[in-house]
Protein backbone atom coordinates (compact mmCIF):
# COMPACT_ATOMS: atom_id res chain seq x y z
CA UNK A 1 1.32 -17.10 -31.13
CA UNK A 2 -1.57 -18.70 -29.45
CA UNK A 3 -1.76 -20.14 -25.96
CA UNK A 4 -2.31 -23.63 -27.63
CA UNK A 5 0.94 -22.87 -29.75
CA UNK A 6 2.85 -22.09 -26.69
CA UNK A 7 1.96 -25.31 -25.18
CA UNK A 8 1.31 -24.20 -21.70
CA UNK A 9 0.69 -26.64 -19.00
CA UNK A 10 -0.01 -26.28 -15.32
CA UNK A 11 3.27 -27.52 -13.60
CA UNK A 12 3.03 -26.70 -9.93
CA UNK A 13 1.89 -24.44 -7.03
CA UNK A 14 4.44 -22.58 -5.21
CA UNK A 15 4.21 -22.50 -1.64
CA UNK A 16 6.49 -20.10 0.55
CA UNK A 17 7.66 -21.60 3.80
CA UNK A 18 10.33 -20.83 6.27
CA UNK A 19 11.99 -24.02 6.04
CA UNK A 20 11.22 -27.23 3.86
CA UNK A 21 11.15 -29.75 6.56
CA UNK A 22 7.89 -29.05 8.73
CA UNK A 23 5.61 -28.29 5.88
CA UNK A 24 6.81 -31.56 4.03
CA UNK A 25 5.91 -33.68 6.98
CA UNK A 26 2.59 -31.87 7.50
CA UNK A 27 1.38 -32.32 3.86
CA UNK A 28 2.86 -35.97 4.03
CA UNK A 29 0.80 -36.72 7.36
CA UNK A 30 -2.45 -35.00 6.24
CA UNK A 31 -2.78 -35.52 2.67
CA UNK A 32 -0.37 -38.20 1.66
CA UNK A 33 2.10 -36.13 -0.21
CA UNK A 34 5.65 -37.06 -0.77
CA UNK A 35 8.72 -35.62 -1.92
CA UNK A 36 9.16 -36.52 -5.78
CA UNK A 37 12.10 -34.24 -6.61
CA UNK A 38 14.58 -32.33 -4.50
CA UNK A 39 15.53 -30.72 -2.15
CA UNK A 40 17.37 -28.16 -4.59
CA UNK A 41 19.37 -25.38 -3.37
CA UNK A 42 19.50 -22.69 -6.12
CA UNK A 43 22.03 -20.09 -5.53
CA UNK A 44 20.86 -18.15 -8.63
CA UNK A 45 17.36 -17.80 -7.13
CA UNK A 46 18.39 -17.81 -3.81
CA UNK A 47 15.95 -20.44 -2.47
CA UNK A 48 15.78 -23.92 -1.57
CA UNK A 49 12.93 -26.02 -2.86
CA UNK A 50 11.22 -29.44 -3.16
CA UNK A 51 8.33 -30.66 -5.11
CA UNK A 52 5.70 -32.95 -3.75
CA UNK A 53 2.99 -35.09 -5.36
CA UNK A 54 0.57 -37.81 -4.04
CA UNK A 55 1.36 -40.04 -7.16
CA UNK A 56 2.61 -40.08 -10.70
CA UNK A 57 -1.15 -39.14 -11.81
CA UNK A 58 -1.12 -35.79 -10.12
CA UNK A 59 -1.81 -33.00 -12.78
CA UNK A 60 0.28 -30.51 -10.85
CA UNK A 61 2.79 -30.66 -8.08
CA UNK A 62 3.21 -28.61 -5.00
CA UNK A 63 6.68 -26.69 -4.71
CA UNK A 64 7.59 -25.63 -1.53
CA UNK A 65 10.09 -22.58 -1.47
CA UNK A 66 12.28 -21.48 1.39
CA UNK A 67 14.90 -18.78 1.56
CA UNK A 68 18.41 -20.03 1.04
CA UNK A 69 20.18 -16.61 1.86
CA UNK A 70 19.38 -13.78 3.95
CA UNK A 71 18.62 -11.54 0.94
CA UNK A 72 16.36 -14.32 -0.58
CA UNK A 73 13.25 -12.75 -2.42
CA UNK A 74 11.15 -15.28 -0.74
CA UNK A 75 11.61 -13.67 2.51
CA UNK A 76 9.27 -10.52 1.50
CA UNK A 77 6.66 -13.02 0.70
CA UNK A 78 6.88 -14.74 4.14
CA UNK A 79 7.12 -11.44 5.86
CA UNK A 80 3.71 -10.62 4.41
CA UNK A 81 2.05 -13.42 6.58
CA UNK A 82 3.70 -16.70 6.72
CA UNK A 83 3.51 -19.58 4.29
CA UNK A 84 1.06 -19.61 1.72
CA UNK A 85 0.55 -20.36 -1.92
CA UNK A 86 1.65 -17.46 -4.12
CA UNK A 87 2.32 -18.32 -7.54
CA UNK A 88 1.44 -20.80 -10.22
CA UNK A 89 4.03 -22.14 -12.69
CA UNK A 90 3.23 -22.96 -16.37
CA UNK A 91 5.61 -24.90 -18.49
CA UNK A 92 5.85 -23.84 -22.17
CA UNK A 93 7.13 -25.01 -25.37
CA UNK A 94 8.66 -21.54 -26.10
CA UNK A 95 9.60 -19.46 -23.35
CA UNK A 96 10.91 -16.41 -25.26
CA UNK A 97 7.48 -16.40 -27.35
CA UNK A 98 5.52 -17.01 -24.12
CA UNK A 99 7.19 -13.82 -22.67
CA UNK A 100 6.21 -11.95 -25.69
CA UNK A 101 2.67 -13.17 -25.49
CA UNK A 102 2.50 -12.22 -21.83
CA UNK A 103 3.83 -8.61 -22.64
CA UNK A 104 1.18 -8.36 -25.32
CA UNK A 105 -1.43 -9.25 -22.80
CA UNK A 106 -0.56 -6.40 -20.31
CA UNK A 107 1.95 -8.51 -18.21
CA UNK A 108 5.16 -7.18 -16.71
CA UNK A 109 8.28 -9.55 -17.11
CA UNK A 110 9.50 -9.31 -13.33
CA UNK A 111 12.61 -11.56 -13.98
CA UNK A 112 14.10 -12.50 -17.13
CA UNK A 113 14.98 -15.86 -18.18
CA UNK A 114 17.52 -17.71 -15.94
CA UNK A 115 18.63 -21.35 -15.51
CA UNK A 116 17.00 -22.97 -12.67
CA UNK A 117 18.65 -25.92 -10.53
CA UNK A 118 15.26 -27.57 -9.97
CA UNK A 119 14.69 -27.91 -13.78
CA UNK A 120 18.12 -29.37 -14.68
CA UNK A 121 19.12 -25.67 -16.06
CA UNK A 122 16.15 -24.95 -17.96
CA UNK A 123 15.33 -21.54 -17.79
CA UNK A 124 12.45 -19.72 -15.92
CA UNK A 125 11.08 -16.36 -15.93
CA UNK A 126 8.48 -14.64 -13.66
CA UNK A 127 5.56 -12.55 -14.91
CA UNK A 128 3.20 -10.18 -13.06
CA UNK A 129 -0.50 -9.70 -14.18
CA UNK A 130 -2.39 -6.34 -14.26
CA UNK A 131 -4.64 -8.03 -11.61
CA UNK A 132 -1.45 -8.57 -9.32
CA UNK A 133 -0.97 -12.21 -9.89
CA UNK A 134 2.47 -13.76 -10.10
CA UNK A 135 3.36 -16.50 -12.58
CA UNK A 136 6.31 -18.62 -13.18
CA UNK A 137 7.26 -19.88 -16.60
CA UNK A 138 9.44 -22.69 -17.26
CA UNK A 139 11.08 -24.13 -20.30
CA UNK A 140 9.58 -27.60 -21.37
CA UNK A 141 12.15 -30.47 -21.28
CA UNK A 142 13.43 -31.11 -24.89
């Protein structure tokens, strides 16, 4: 399938943070962002997240991701130098075929599809490119 057939759409930029509150407050005061969804605790992903936007017309949201547990995978990202944008999330109309497409383009599937609390149980998956970029893919709402 082609990228057009897979319906890719930029959904959010993921930002690793130690806790959600201080960065949420800073983005609100500095740029006018506000929480539009969340916070959500996701025991499967072992993270707490919330989504911020300035308005309903934003093309993509900012997702703040904080560790929920001591063994949260986001702790490794934070250990590399604090809070930073570390992934882009693309929504797709066909997650399974998007993963085949990603593999055919040299990507490694880091995490196979799993339900995510923040997306009402829709599945997400993580891929890593040859150029060392991390992308999240999420199923589009039906």
